[in-house]
Amino acid sequence: MKQLIIAKHGVSVKTRKQLIVIEARKEGKILETPVSSIEQLIIASSGVSITSKTIRNLIDHGVDIVFLDSRGNPTGRIYPVYINKTVETRRKQYEAGFNGKGLEAAAEMIKAKILNQAGLIKRYYYYTGNTTLKQAYTEIAEIAGRTPPSAPSRQEMKQKLLTLEAEAARAYWAAYAALIPGELGFTGRDQDGEDPVNKSLNYLYGVLYSECWRAIVLAGLDPYLGFLHADRSGSPTLVFDYIEQWRFAADMTLLAMLRHGWKPTQVNGLLDYETRSRLVENLSKTLDETRANTPGETPTTLRQALKKTAFKLAAYLRGEEAFKPYIHSW
């Protein structure tokens, strides 16, 4: 067990010797597992209690504890203190925010995001034979090819990247919507959309944020200093930059669920506990079971590749190697 997810109301998390015990008020004991088998604990409900003894035990074993709100956004986390060339890495990261090196890395991540969007639509063209999808993935791939390696100024570079990202998004989400059952009311990506598909995407992205945040911290990087997204107080802008190349994992997870007949359920305008739990479980399965093939490297899982790519970014900023973002082998 790599990741333990608790999304049910009325659950308590306790420790007994070297075991974590999950209990519910009505059902009694639900799960008992060694602490050593867990890498991350995700608490996705406000109705969960956890003892301080359990928290200390988890920290001693290097377990990352993440709290999510009802929309899937990380509201807090507890993780051990890691040291991985942190001072040197962060000094170079701050310099990269001014010398253009960071923006070059951001450009590579945006290009990877667009290529992964093209790859996902291409996969479904092969599944369905729909020629509209072929036109879409061809257009998206062409946009990726126009990603500029540099520009006369940082502001001009940022504007070009954001323009290309938006252009690709229009083609991508139109194709994505065509693959989803019409009764779900999804016509395109809208972060503030009230339909269950947009809310499910928001929730999955929130879980991915926590994964990316953890990888960035483990690599010794400052999650609050990004290169493309505008700096805002308390906003983890490097996480926003880094997640772009991984959004496809959430997109492909939800698309597969919906096309197999599953439907998200809302209560009072929010995704219910069962829906949230299913989303997190399926995304975790995608990360742990999808093979990540990078030329010249040993095949890993997507979760391992997500962590490894953050270390590559840190090494690039320190001047140790070229940065290669993650582009999935479709």
C-alpha atoms as a PDB file:
ATOM      1  CA  MET A   1       0.000   0.000   0.000  1.00  0.00           C
ATOM      2  CA  LYS A   2       1.620   3.264  -1.135  1.00  0.00           C
ATOM      3  CA  GLN A   3      -1.252   5.665  -0.486  1.00  0.00           C
ATOM      4  CA  LEU A   4      -4.001   5.525   2.113  1.00  0.00           C
ATOM      5  CA  ILE A   5      -7.100   7.600   1.322  1.00  0.00           C
ATOM      6  CA  ILE A   6      -9.808   8.420   3.857  1.00  0.00           C
ATOM      7  CA  ALA A   7     -12.855  10.175   2.432  1.00  0.00           C
ATOM      8  CA  LYS A   8     -15.578   8.844   4.726  1.00  0.00           C
ATOM      9  CA  HIS A   9     -17.210  10.819   7.527  1.00  0.00           C
ATOM     10  CA  GLY A  10     -16.917   9.505  11.074  1.00  0.00           C
ATOM     11  CA  VAL A  11     -13.593   7.701  10.704  1.00  0.00           C
ATOM     12  CA  SER A  12     -10.801   7.693  13.279  1.00  0.00           C
ATOM     13  CA  VAL A  13      -7.124   7.020  12.615  1.00  0.00           C
ATOM     14  CA  LYS A  14      -5.145   5.489  15.461  1.00  0.00           C
ATOM     15  CA  THR A  15      -1.822   3.772  16.004  1.00  0.00           C
ATOM     16  CA  ARG A  16      -1.170   0.488  17.772  1.00  0.00           C
ATOM     17  CA  LYS A  17       2.464  -0.543  18.032  1.00  0.00           C
ATOM     18  CA  GLN A  18       3.666  -0.319  14.405  1.00  0.00           C
ATOM     19  CA  LEU A  19       0.182  -0.548  12.939  1.00  0.00           C
ATOM     20  CA  ILE A  20      -2.228   2.114  11.693  1.00  0.00           C
ATOM     21  CA  VAL A  21      -5.810   1.264  12.587  1.00  0.00           C
ATOM     22  CA  ILE A  22      -8.754   2.809  10.722  1.00  0.00           C
ATOM     23  CA  GLU A  23     -12.092   2.620  12.493  1.00  0.00           C
ATOM     24  CA  ALA A  24     -15.597   3.913  11.691  1.00  0.00           C
ATOM     25  CA  ARG A  25     -18.293   4.676  14.236  1.00  0.00           C
ATOM     26  CA  LYS A  26     -20.802   2.228  12.794  1.00  0.00           C
ATOM     27  CA  GLU A  27     -18.687  -0.432  11.098  1.00  0.00           C
ATOM     28  CA  GLY A  28     -15.914  -0.694  13.690  1.00  0.00           C
ATOM     29  CA  LYS A  29     -12.458  -1.622  12.417  1.00  0.00           C
ATOM     30  CA  ILE A  30     -12.121  -1.072   8.655  1.00  0.00           C
ATOM     31  CA  LEU A  31      -8.413  -1.490   8.078  1.00  0.00           C
ATOM     32  CA  GLU A  32      -5.254  -2.384   9.958  1.00  0.00           C
ATOM     33  CA  THR A  33      -1.946  -2.002   8.139  1.00  0.00           C
ATOM     34  CA  PRO A  34       1.750  -1.556   8.997  1.00  0.00           C
ATOM     35  CA  VAL A  35       2.925   2.053   9.044  1.00  0.00           C
ATOM     36  CA  SER A  36       5.887   0.995   6.912  1.00  0.00           C
ATOM     37  CA  SER A  37       3.548   0.137   4.037  1.00  0.00           C
ATOM     38  CA  ILE A  38       2.304   3.738   3.665  1.00  0.00           C
ATOM     39  CA  GLU A  39       4.004   6.607   1.832  1.00  0.00           C
ATOM     40  CA  GLN A  40       1.128   9.088   1.905  1.00  0.00           C
ATOM     41  CA  LEU A  41      -2.056   9.528   3.933  1.00  0.00           C
ATOM     42  CA  ILE A  42      -4.776  11.619   2.278  1.00  0.00           C
ATOM     43  CA  ILE A  43      -7.607  12.848   4.511  1.00  0.00           C
ATOM     44  CA  ALA A  44     -10.426  13.999   2.243  1.00  0.00           C
ATOM     45  CA  SER A  45     -13.197  14.528   4.781  1.00  0.00           C
ATOM     46  CA  SER A  46     -13.819  16.966   7.609  1.00  0.00           C
ATOM     47  CA  GLY A  47     -15.241  14.129   9.713  1.00  0.00           C
ATOM     48  CA  VAL A  48     -11.935  12.307  10.305  1.00  0.00           C
ATOM     49  CA  SER A  49     -10.077  12.294  13.619  1.00  0.00           C
ATOM     50  CA  ILE A  50      -6.394  11.438  14.018  1.00  0.00           C
ATOM     51  CA  THR A  51      -4.349  11.304  17.222  1.00  0.00           C
ATOM     52  CA  SER A  52      -1.119  13.221  17.758  1.00  0.00           C
ATOM     53  CA  LYS A  53       0.592   9.907  18.541  1.00  0.00           C
ATOM     54  CA  THR A  54      -0.425   8.647  15.110  1.00  0.00           C
ATOM     55  CA  ILE A  55       0.860  11.795  13.426  1.00  0.00           C
ATOM     56  CA  ARG A  56       4.239  11.432  15.155  1.00  0.00           C
ATOM     57  CA  ASN A  57       4.393   7.776  14.175  1.00  0.00           C
ATOM     58  CA  LEU A  58       3.663   8.594  10.543  1.00  0.00           C
ATOM     59  CA  ILE A  59       6.256  11.379  10.497  1.00  0.00           C
ATOM     60  CA  ASP A  60       8.868   9.047  11.995  1.00  0.00           C
ATOM     61  CA  HIS A  61       8.255   6.699   9.057  1.00  0.00           C
ATOM     62  CA  GLY A  62       8.481   9.469   6.465  1.00  0.00           C
ATOM     63  CA  VAL A  63       4.757   9.483   5.641  1.00  0.00           C
ATOM     64  CA  ASP A  64       3.307  12.582   3.969  1.00  0.00           C
ATOM     65  CA  ILE A  65      -0.076  13.606   5.462  1.00  0.00           C
ATOM     66  CA  VAL A  66      -2.325  15.684   3.195  1.00  0.00           C
ATOM     67  CA  PHE A  67      -5.664  17.336   4.033  1.00  0.00           C
ATOM     68  CA  LEU A  68      -8.072  18.074   1.171  1.00  0.00           C
ATOM     69  CA  ASP A  69     -11.174  20.268   1.170  1.00  0.00           C
ATOM     70  CA  SER A  70     -14.489  19.228  -0.395  1.00  0.00           C
ATOM     71  CA  ARG A  71     -13.279  20.406  -3.812  1.00  0.00           C
ATOM     72  CA  GLY A  72     -10.060  18.420  -3.699  1.00  0.00           C
ATOM     73  CA  ASN A  73      -7.764  21.367  -2.982  1.00  0.00           C
ATOM     74  CA  PRO A  74      -4.944  20.726  -0.493  1.00  0.00           C
ATOM     75  CA  THR A  75      -5.604  22.835   2.596  1.00  0.00           C
ATOM     76  CA  GLY A  76      -2.651  21.630   4.623  1.00  0.00           C
ATOM     77  CA  ARG A  77      -0.012  18.958   4.909  1.00  0.00           C
ATOM     78  CA  ILE A  78       2.429  17.521   7.390  1.00  0.00           C
ATOM     79  CA  TYR A  79       5.635  15.981   6.134  1.00  0.00           C
ATOM     80  CA  PRO A  80       9.065  15.165   7.528  1.00  0.00           C
ATOM     81  CA  VAL A  81      12.004  17.511   7.152  1.00  0.00           C
ATOM     82  CA  TYR A  82      13.942  16.477   4.052  1.00  0.00           C
ATOM     83  CA  ILE A  83      17.360  17.737   3.057  1.00  0.00           C
ATOM     84  CA  ASN A  84      18.379  17.310  -0.569  1.00  0.00           C
ATOM     85  CA  LYS A  85      20.877  20.020  -1.511  1.00  0.00           C
ATOM     86  CA  THR A  86      18.125  22.385  -0.393  1.00  0.00           C
ATOM     87  CA  VAL A  87      20.182  25.554   0.114  1.00  0.00           C
ATOM     88  CA  GLU A  88      22.076  25.231  -3.164  1.00  0.00           C
ATOM     89  CA  THR A  89      18.970  24.219  -5.075  1.00  0.00           C
ATOM     90  CA  ARG A  90      16.850  27.097  -3.806  1.00  0.00           C
ATOM     91  CA  ARG A  91      19.568  29.652  -4.371  1.00  0.00           C
ATOM     92  CA  LYS A  92      19.782  28.547  -8.012  1.00  0.00           C
ATOM     93  CA  GLN A  93      15.986  28.467  -8.241  1.00  0.00           C
ATOM     94  CA  TYR A  94      15.762  32.112  -7.141  1.00  0.00           C
ATOM     95  CA  GLU A  95      18.442  33.091  -9.657  1.00  0.00           C
ATOM     96  CA  ALA A  96      16.571  31.217 -12.400  1.00  0.00           C
ATOM     97  CA  GLY A  97      13.558  33.430 -11.775  1.00  0.00           C
ATOM     98  CA  PHE A  98      15.532  36.381 -13.114  1.00  0.00           C
ATOM     99  CA  ASN A  99      18.042  34.993 -15.621  1.00  0.00           C
ATOM    100  CA  GLY A 100      15.516  33.270 -17.902  1.00  0.00           C
ATOM    101  CA  LYS A 101      16.548  29.721 -17.045  1.00  0.00           C
ATOM    102  CA  GLY A 102      13.387  29.054 -15.076  1.00  0.00           C
ATOM    103  CA  LEU A 103      11.174  30.308 -17.867  1.00  0.00           C
ATOM    104  CA  GLU A 104      12.929  27.985 -20.313  1.00  0.00           C
ATOM    105  CA  ALA A 105      12.023  25.076 -18.027  1.00  0.00           C
ATOM    106  CA  ALA A 106       8.433  26.339 -17.836  1.00  0.00           C
ATOM    107  CA  ALA A 107       8.301  26.432 -21.639  1.00  0.00           C
ATOM    108  CA  GLU A 108       9.365  22.783 -21.753  1.00  0.00           C
ATOM    109  CA  MET A 109       6.648  21.858 -19.249  1.00  0.00           C
ATOM    110  CA  ILE A 110       3.965  23.665 -21.253  1.00  0.00           C
ATOM    111  CA  LYS A 111       5.143  21.926 -24.415  1.00  0.00           C
ATOM    112  CA  ALA A 112       4.958  18.580 -22.600  1.00  0.00           C
ATOM    113  CA  LYS A 113       1.437  19.392 -21.400  1.00  0.00           C
ATOM    114  CA  ILE A 114       0.250  20.122 -24.938  1.00  0.00           C
ATOM    115  CA  LEU A 115       1.928  17.009 -26.357  1.00  0.00           C
ATOM    116  CA  ASN A 116       0.304  14.885 -23.649  1.00  0.00           C
ATOM    117  CA  GLN A 117      -3.066  16.411 -24.543  1.00  0.00           C
ATOM    118  CA  ALA A 118      -2.466  15.497 -28.178  1.00  0.00           C
ATOM    119  CA  GLY A 119      -1.456  11.976 -27.145  1.00  0.00           C
ATOM    120  CA  LEU A 120      -4.610  11.368 -25.138  1.00  0.00           C
ATOM    121  CA  ILE A 121      -6.884  12.487 -27.973  1.00  0.00           C
ATOM    122  CA  LYS A 122      -4.821  10.423 -30.428  1.00  0.00           C
ATOM    123  CA  ARG A 123      -5.351   7.338 -28.255  1.00  0.00           C
ATOM    124  CA  TYR A 124      -9.110   7.788 -28.416  1.00  0.00           C
ATOM    125  CA  TYR A 125      -8.992   8.361 -32.153  1.00  0.00           C
ATOM    126  CA  TYR A 126      -7.457   4.885 -32.430  1.00  0.00           C
ATOM    127  CA  TYR A 127     -10.179   3.523 -30.130  1.00  0.00           C
ATOM    128  CA  THR A 128     -13.086   5.154 -31.954  1.00  0.00           C
ATOM    129  CA  GLY A 129     -11.932   5.915 -35.506  1.00  0.00           C
ATOM    130  CA  ASN A 130     -13.564   9.352 -35.200  1.00  0.00           C
ATOM    131  CA  THR A 131     -11.874  11.569 -37.807  1.00  0.00           C
ATOM    132  CA  THR A 132     -12.754  14.710 -35.820  1.00  0.00           C
ATOM    133  CA  LEU A 133     -10.426  13.474 -33.104  1.00  0.00           C
ATOM    134  CA  LYS A 134      -7.667  12.994 -35.654  1.00  0.00           C
ATOM    135  CA  GLN A 135      -8.032  16.603 -36.746  1.00  0.00           C
ATOM    136  CA  ALA A 136      -7.952  17.702 -33.108  1.00  0.00           C
ATOM    137  CA  TYR A 137      -4.798  15.852 -32.079  1.00  0.00           C
ATOM    138  CA  THR A 138      -3.027  16.936 -35.263  1.00  0.00           C
ATOM    139  CA  GLU A 139      -3.881  20.566 -34.492  1.00  0.00           C
ATOM    140  CA  ILE A 140      -2.798  20.249 -30.850  1.00  0.00           C
ATOM    141  CA  ALA A 141       0.530  18.645 -31.794  1.00  0.00           C
ATOM    142  CA  GLU A 142       1.160  21.436 -34.306  1.00  0.00           C
ATOM    143  CA  ILE A 143       0.602  24.025 -31.569  1.00  0.00           C
ATOM    144  CA  ALA A 144       3.146  22.239 -29.358  1.00  0.00           C
ATOM    145  CA  GLY A 145       5.667  22.564 -32.158  1.00  0.00           C
ATOM    146  CA  ARG A 146       5.328  26.348 -32.008  1.00  0.00           C
ATOM    147  CA  THR A 147       6.446  26.572 -28.376  1.00  0.00           C
ATOM    148  CA  PRO A 148       9.225  29.194 -28.385  1.00  0.00           C
ATOM    149  CA  PRO A 149      12.589  28.226 -26.820  1.00  0.00           C
ATOM    150  CA  SER A 150      13.180  31.878 -25.940  1.00  0.00           C
ATOM    151  CA  ALA A 151      11.917  35.446 -26.503  1.00  0.00           C
ATOM    152  CA  PRO A 152      13.337  39.001 -26.331  1.00  0.00           C
ATOM    153  CA  SER A 153      11.888  39.511 -22.840  1.00  0.00           C
ATOM    154  CA  ARG A 154      10.495  37.384 -20.020  1.00  0.00           C
ATOM    155  CA  GLN A 155       7.108  39.070 -20.304  1.00  0.00           C
ATOM    156  CA  GLU A 156       6.900  38.376 -24.046  1.00  0.00           C
ATOM    157  CA  MET A 157       7.931  34.775 -23.449  1.00  0.00           C
ATOM    158  CA  LYS A 158       5.235  34.315 -20.822  1.00  0.00           C
ATOM    159  CA  GLN A 159       2.590  35.818 -23.077  1.00  0.00           C
ATOM    160  CA  LYS A 160       3.537  33.541 -25.979  1.00  0.00           C
ATOM    161  CA  LEU A 161       3.389  30.464 -23.771  1.00  0.00           C
ATOM    162  CA  LEU A 162       0.020  31.395 -22.262  1.00  0.00           C
ATOM    163  CA  THR A 163      -1.392  32.124 -25.731  1.00  0.00           C
ATOM    164  CA  LEU A 164      -0.280  28.745 -27.103  1.00  0.00           C
ATOM    165  CA  GLU A 165      -1.557  26.968 -23.995  1.00  0.00           C
ATOM    166  CA  ALA A 166      -4.993  28.567 -24.441  1.00  0.00           C
ATOM    167  CA  GLU A 167      -5.058  27.769 -28.158  1.00  0.00           C
ATOM    168  CA  ALA A 168      -4.300  24.111 -27.480  1.00  0.00           C
ATOM    169  CA  ALA A 169      -6.871  24.011 -24.682  1.00  0.00           C
ATOM    170  CA  ARG A 170      -9.691  25.082 -27.007  1.00  0.00           C
ATOM    171  CA  ALA A 171      -9.023  22.200 -29.396  1.00  0.00           C
ATOM    172  CA  TYR A 172      -8.330  19.714 -26.618  1.00  0.00           C
ATOM    173  CA  TRP A 173     -11.416  20.325 -24.492  1.00  0.00           C
ATOM    174  CA  ALA A 174     -13.716  20.357 -27.509  1.00  0.00           C
ATOM    175  CA  ALA A 175     -12.422  16.899 -28.424  1.00  0.00           C
ATOM    176  CA  TYR A 176     -12.545  15.741 -24.790  1.00  0.00           C
ATOM    177  CA  ALA A 177     -16.173  16.863 -24.470  1.00  0.00           C
ATOM    178  CA  ALA A 178     -17.101  14.882 -27.590  1.00  0.00           C
ATOM    179  CA  LEU A 179     -15.949  11.697 -25.834  1.00  0.00           C
ATOM    180  CA  ILE A 180     -18.167  12.180 -22.762  1.00  0.00           C
ATOM    181  CA  PRO A 181     -21.847  11.153 -22.534  1.00  0.00           C
ATOM    182  CA  GLY A 182     -23.978  14.205 -23.322  1.00  0.00           C
ATOM    183  CA  GLU A 183     -26.285  13.801 -20.334  1.00  0.00           C
ATOM    184  CA  LEU A 184     -23.450  14.842 -18.013  1.00  0.00           C
ATOM    185  CA  GLY A 185     -23.666  18.399 -19.377  1.00  0.00           C
ATOM    186  CA  PHE A 186     -19.966  18.880 -20.104  1.00  0.00           C
ATOM    187  CA  THR A 187     -19.397  21.280 -23.009  1.00  0.00           C
ATOM    188  CA  GLY A 188     -15.854  22.351 -22.176  1.00  0.00           C
ATOM    189  CA  ARG A 189     -13.419  23.089 -19.397  1.00  0.00           C
ATOM    190  CA  ASP A 190     -14.627  25.670 -16.893  1.00  0.00           C
ATOM    191  CA  GLN A 191     -12.951  25.763 -13.508  1.00  0.00           C
ATOM    192  CA  ASP A 192     -16.083  27.350 -12.029  1.00  0.00           C
ATOM    193  CA  GLY A 193     -18.482  25.075 -13.926  1.00  0.00           C
ATOM    194  CA  GLU A 194     -21.356  23.557 -11.960  1.00  0.00           C
ATOM    195  CA  ASP A 195     -21.527  20.321 -13.975  1.00  0.00           C
ATOM    196  CA  PRO A 196     -20.176  17.147 -12.312  1.00  0.00           C
ATOM    197  CA  VAL A 197     -17.427  16.631 -14.910  1.00  0.00           C
ATOM    198  CA  ASN A 198     -15.768  19.999 -14.291  1.00  0.00           C
ATOM    199  CA  LYS A 199     -16.072  19.475 -10.548  1.00  0.00           C
ATOM    200  CA  SER A 200     -14.530  16.023 -10.869  1.00  0.00           C
ATOM    201  CA  LEU A 201     -11.638  17.457 -12.872  1.00  0.00           C
ATOM    202  CA  ASN A 202     -11.131  20.135 -10.212  1.00  0.00           C
ATOM    203  CA  TYR A 203     -11.039  17.465  -7.530  1.00  0.00           C
ATOM    204  CA  LEU A 204      -8.568  15.260  -9.399  1.00  0.00           C
ATOM    205  CA  TYR A 205      -6.299  18.229 -10.118  1.00  0.00           C
ATOM    206  CA  GLY A 206      -6.360  19.051  -6.406  1.00  0.00           C
ATOM    207  CA  VAL A 207      -5.098  15.566  -5.592  1.00  0.00           C
ATOM    208  CA  LEU A 208      -2.430  15.910  -8.289  1.00  0.00           C
ATOM    209  CA  TYR A 209      -1.366  19.229  -6.744  1.00  0.00           C
ATOM    210  CA  SER A 210      -0.564  17.382  -3.523  1.00  0.00           C
ATOM    211  CA  GLU A 211       1.509  14.812  -5.426  1.00  0.00           C
ATOM    212  CA  CYS A 212       3.437  17.507  -7.288  1.00  0.00           C
ATOM    213  CA  TRP A 213       3.943  19.563  -4.135  1.00  0.00           C
ATOM    214  CA  ARG A 214       5.449  16.579  -2.354  1.00  0.00           C
ATOM    215  CA  ALA A 215       7.798  15.811  -5.253  1.00  0.00           C
ATOM    216  CA  ILE A 216       8.971  19.438  -5.399  1.00  0.00           C
ATOM    217  CA  VAL A 217       9.706  19.579  -1.674  1.00  0.00           C
ATOM    218  CA  LEU A 218      11.552  16.241  -1.778  1.00  0.00           C
ATOM    219  CA  ALA A 219      13.722  17.639  -4.575  1.00  0.00           C
ATOM    220  CA  GLY A 220      14.714  20.590  -2.385  1.00  0.00           C
ATOM    221  CA  LEU A 221      12.767  23.182  -4.386  1.00  0.00           C
ATOM    222  CA  ASP A 222      10.671  26.059  -3.055  1.00  0.00           C
ATOM    223  CA  PRO A 223       7.038  25.367  -4.065  1.00  0.00           C
ATOM    224  CA  TYR A 224       6.202  29.091  -3.766  1.00  0.00           C
ATOM    225  CA  LEU A 225       8.619  30.370  -6.413  1.00  0.00           C
ATOM    226  CA  GLY A 226       7.402  29.565  -9.923  1.00  0.00           C
ATOM    227  CA  PHE A 227       8.475  30.784 -13.330  1.00  0.00           C
ATOM    228  CA  LEU A 228       5.362  31.074 -15.490  1.00  0.00           C
ATOM    229  CA  HIS A 229       2.423  31.621 -13.160  1.00  0.00           C
ATOM    230  CA  ALA A 230       2.265  35.031 -11.497  1.00  0.00           C
ATOM    231  CA  ASP A 231       3.579  35.218  -7.946  1.00  0.00           C
ATOM    232  CA  ARG A 232       0.894  35.679  -5.311  1.00  0.00           C
ATOM    233  CA  SER A 233       1.341  35.648  -1.558  1.00  0.00           C
ATOM    234  CA  GLY A 234       0.802  32.149  -0.209  1.00  0.00           C
ATOM    235  CA  SER A 235       0.376  30.664  -3.697  1.00  0.00           C
ATOM    236  CA  PRO A 236       2.557  27.643  -4.605  1.00  0.00           C
ATOM    237  CA  THR A 237       3.315  28.854  -8.132  1.00  0.00           C
ATOM    238  CA  LEU A 238       6.036  26.300  -8.840  1.00  0.00           C
ATOM    239  CA  VAL A 239       3.469  23.581  -8.165  1.00  0.00           C
ATOM    240  CA  PHE A 240       1.185  25.276 -10.712  1.00  0.00           C
ATOM    241  CA  ASP A 241       4.032  25.238 -13.249  1.00  0.00           C
ATOM    242  CA  TYR A 242       5.077  21.682 -12.517  1.00  0.00           C
ATOM    243  CA  ILE A 243       1.609  20.107 -12.593  1.00  0.00           C
ATOM    244  CA  GLU A 244       0.979  21.119 -16.205  1.00  0.00           C
ATOM    245  CA  GLN A 245       2.879  18.155 -17.643  1.00  0.00           C
ATOM    246  CA  TRP A 246       0.916  15.750 -15.392  1.00  0.00           C
ATOM    247  CA  ARG A 247      -2.674  16.928 -15.848  1.00  0.00           C
ATOM    248  CA  PHE A 248      -3.201  14.258 -18.486  1.00  0.00           C
ATOM    249  CA  ALA A 249      -3.124  11.631 -15.687  1.00  0.00           C
ATOM    250  CA  ALA A 250      -6.271  13.149 -14.164  1.00  0.00           C
ATOM    251  CA  ASP A 251      -7.876  13.659 -17.571  1.00  0.00           C
ATOM    252  CA  MET A 252      -7.326  10.061 -18.690  1.00  0.00           C
ATOM    253  CA  THR A 253      -8.507   8.707 -15.335  1.00  0.00           C
ATOM    254  CA  LEU A 254     -11.823  10.544 -15.438  1.00  0.00           C
ATOM    255  CA  LEU A 255     -12.412   9.902 -19.136  1.00  0.00           C
ATOM    256  CA  ALA A 256     -11.975   6.145 -18.668  1.00  0.00           C
ATOM    257  CA  MET A 257     -14.357   6.152 -15.687  1.00  0.00           C
ATOM    258  CA  LEU A 258     -17.062   8.094 -17.523  1.00  0.00           C
ATOM    259  CA  ARG A 259     -16.821   6.030 -20.692  1.00  0.00           C
ATOM    260  CA  HIS A 260     -17.254   2.863 -18.636  1.00  0.00           C
ATOM    261  CA  GLY A 261     -20.587   4.103 -17.335  1.00  0.00           C
ATOM    262  CA  TRP A 262     -19.608   5.620 -14.006  1.00  0.00           C
ATOM    263  CA  LYS A 263     -21.300   8.907 -13.064  1.00  0.00           C
ATOM    264  CA  PRO A 264     -20.261  11.375 -10.360  1.00  0.00           C
ATOM    265  CA  THR A 265     -22.889  12.315  -7.775  1.00  0.00           C
ATOM    266  CA  GLN A 266     -23.406  15.717  -6.164  1.00  0.00           C
ATOM    267  CA  VAL A 267     -25.080  16.650  -2.887  1.00  0.00           C
ATOM    268  CA  ASN A 268     -25.884  20.328  -2.267  1.00  0.00           C
ATOM    269  CA  GLY A 269     -23.706  21.328  -5.198  1.00  0.00           C
ATOM    270  CA  LEU A 270     -20.649  19.348  -4.026  1.00  0.00           C
ATOM    271  CA  LEU A 271     -19.317  15.937  -4.998  1.00  0.00           C
ATOM    272  CA  ASP A 272     -20.418  13.392  -2.409  1.00  0.00           C
ATOM    273  CA  TYR A 273     -18.065  11.262  -0.296  1.00  0.00           C
ATOM    274  CA  GLU A 274     -18.415   8.175  -2.461  1.00  0.00           C
ATOM    275  CA  THR A 275     -17.642  10.127  -5.634  1.00  0.00           C
ATOM    276  CA  ARG A 276     -14.580  11.769  -4.113  1.00  0.00           C
ATOM    277  CA  SER A 277     -13.320   8.449  -2.820  1.00  0.00           C
ATOM    278  CA  ARG A 278     -13.730   6.785  -6.211  1.00  0.00           C
ATOM    279  CA  LEU A 279     -11.930   9.630  -7.962  1.00  0.00           C
ATOM    280  CA  VAL A 280      -8.941   9.498  -5.629  1.00  0.00           C
ATOM    281  CA  GLU A 281      -8.759   5.696  -5.754  1.00  0.00           C
ATOM    282  CA  ASN A 282      -8.815   5.630  -9.545  1.00  0.00           C
ATOM    283  CA  LEU A 283      -6.235   8.385  -9.903  1.00  0.00           C
ATOM    284  CA  SER A 284      -3.995   6.520  -7.465  1.00  0.00           C
ATOM    285  CA  LYS A 285      -4.426   3.400  -9.578  1.00  0.00           C
ATOM    286  CA  THR A 286      -3.467   5.353 -12.702  1.00  0.00           C
ATOM    287  CA  LEU A 287      -0.318   6.688 -11.055  1.00  0.00           C
ATOM    288  CA  ASP A 288       0.702   3.307  -9.654  1.00  0.00           C
ATOM    289  CA  GLU A 289      -0.170   1.057 -12.576  1.00  0.00           C
ATOM    290  CA  THR A 290       0.502   3.153 -15.696  1.00  0.00           C
ATOM    291  CA  ARG A 291       3.892   2.399 -17.184  1.00  0.00           C
ATOM    292  CA  ALA A 292       6.112   5.426 -17.729  1.00  0.00           C
ATOM    293  CA  ASN A 293       8.599   4.841 -20.523  1.00  0.00           C
ATOM    294  CA  THR A 294      11.323   7.447 -20.924  1.00  0.00           C
ATOM    295  CA  PRO A 295      13.914   6.757 -23.651  1.00  0.00           C
ATOM    296  CA  GLY A 296      17.217   5.654 -22.168  1.00  0.00           C
ATOM    297  CA  GLU A 297      15.765   5.089 -18.681  1.00  0.00           C
ATOM    298  CA  THR A 298      14.417   2.109 -16.773  1.00  0.00           C
ATOM    299  CA  PRO A 299      10.594   1.944 -17.032  1.00  0.00           C
ATOM    300  CA  THR A 300       8.795   3.129 -13.905  1.00  0.00           C
ATOM    301  CA  THR A 301       5.281   3.980 -12.799  1.00  0.00           C
ATOM    302  CA  LEU A 302       3.793   7.435 -13.371  1.00  0.00           C
ATOM    303  CA  ARG A 303       4.054   8.167  -9.648  1.00  0.00           C
ATOM    304  CA  GLN A 304       7.773   7.378  -9.674  1.00  0.00           C
ATOM    305  CA  ALA A 305       8.274   9.427 -12.842  1.00  0.00           C
ATOM    306  CA  LEU A 306       6.484  12.397 -11.261  1.00  0.00           C
ATOM    307  CA  LYS A 307       8.920  12.349  -8.359  1.00  0.00           C
ATOM    308  CA  LYS A 308      11.969  11.711 -10.555  1.00  0.00           C
ATOM    309  CA  THR A 309      11.153  14.602 -12.895  1.00  0.00           C
ATOM    310  CA  ALA A 310      11.157  17.031  -9.951  1.00  0.00           C
ATOM    311  CA  PHE A 311      14.710  15.931  -9.125  1.00  0.00           C
ATOM    312  CA  LYS A 312      15.623  16.472 -12.781  1.00  0.00           C
ATOM    313  CA  LEU A 313      14.244  20.011 -12.572  1.00  0.00           C
ATOM    314  CA  ALA A 314      16.305  20.694  -9.451  1.00  0.00           C
ATOM    315  CA  ALA A 315      19.448  19.297 -11.114  1.00  0.00           C
ATOM    316  CA  TYR A 316      18.807  21.466 -14.178  1.00  0.00           C
ATOM    317  CA  LEU A 317      18.506  24.606 -12.070  1.00  0.00           C
ATOM    318  CA  ARG A 318      21.779  23.739 -10.364  1.00  0.00           C
ATOM    319  CA  GLY A 319      23.401  23.446 -13.801  1.00  0.00           C
ATOM    320  CA  GLU A 320      24.045  19.690 -13.571  1.00  0.00           C
ATOM    321  CA  GLU A 321      21.993  18.460 -16.544  1.00  0.00           C
ATOM    322  CA  ALA A 322      19.521  19.485 -19.251  1.00  0.00           C
ATOM    323  CA  PHE A 323      15.867  19.456 -18.223  1.00  0.00           C
ATOM    324  CA  LYS A 324      13.518  17.013 -19.913  1.00  0.00           C
ATOM    325  CA  PRO A 325       9.888  17.215 -18.790  1.00  0.00           C
ATOM    326  CA  TYR A 326       7.637  14.157 -18.819  1.00  0.00           C
ATOM    327  CA  ILE A 327       6.054  13.338 -22.163  1.00  0.00           C
ATOM    328  CA  HIS A 328       3.973  10.183 -21.997  1.00  0.00           C
ATOM    329  CA  SER A 329       4.536   7.369 -24.457  1.00  0.00           C
ATOM    330  CA  TRP A 330       1.093   6.917 -25.906  1.00  0.00           C
END
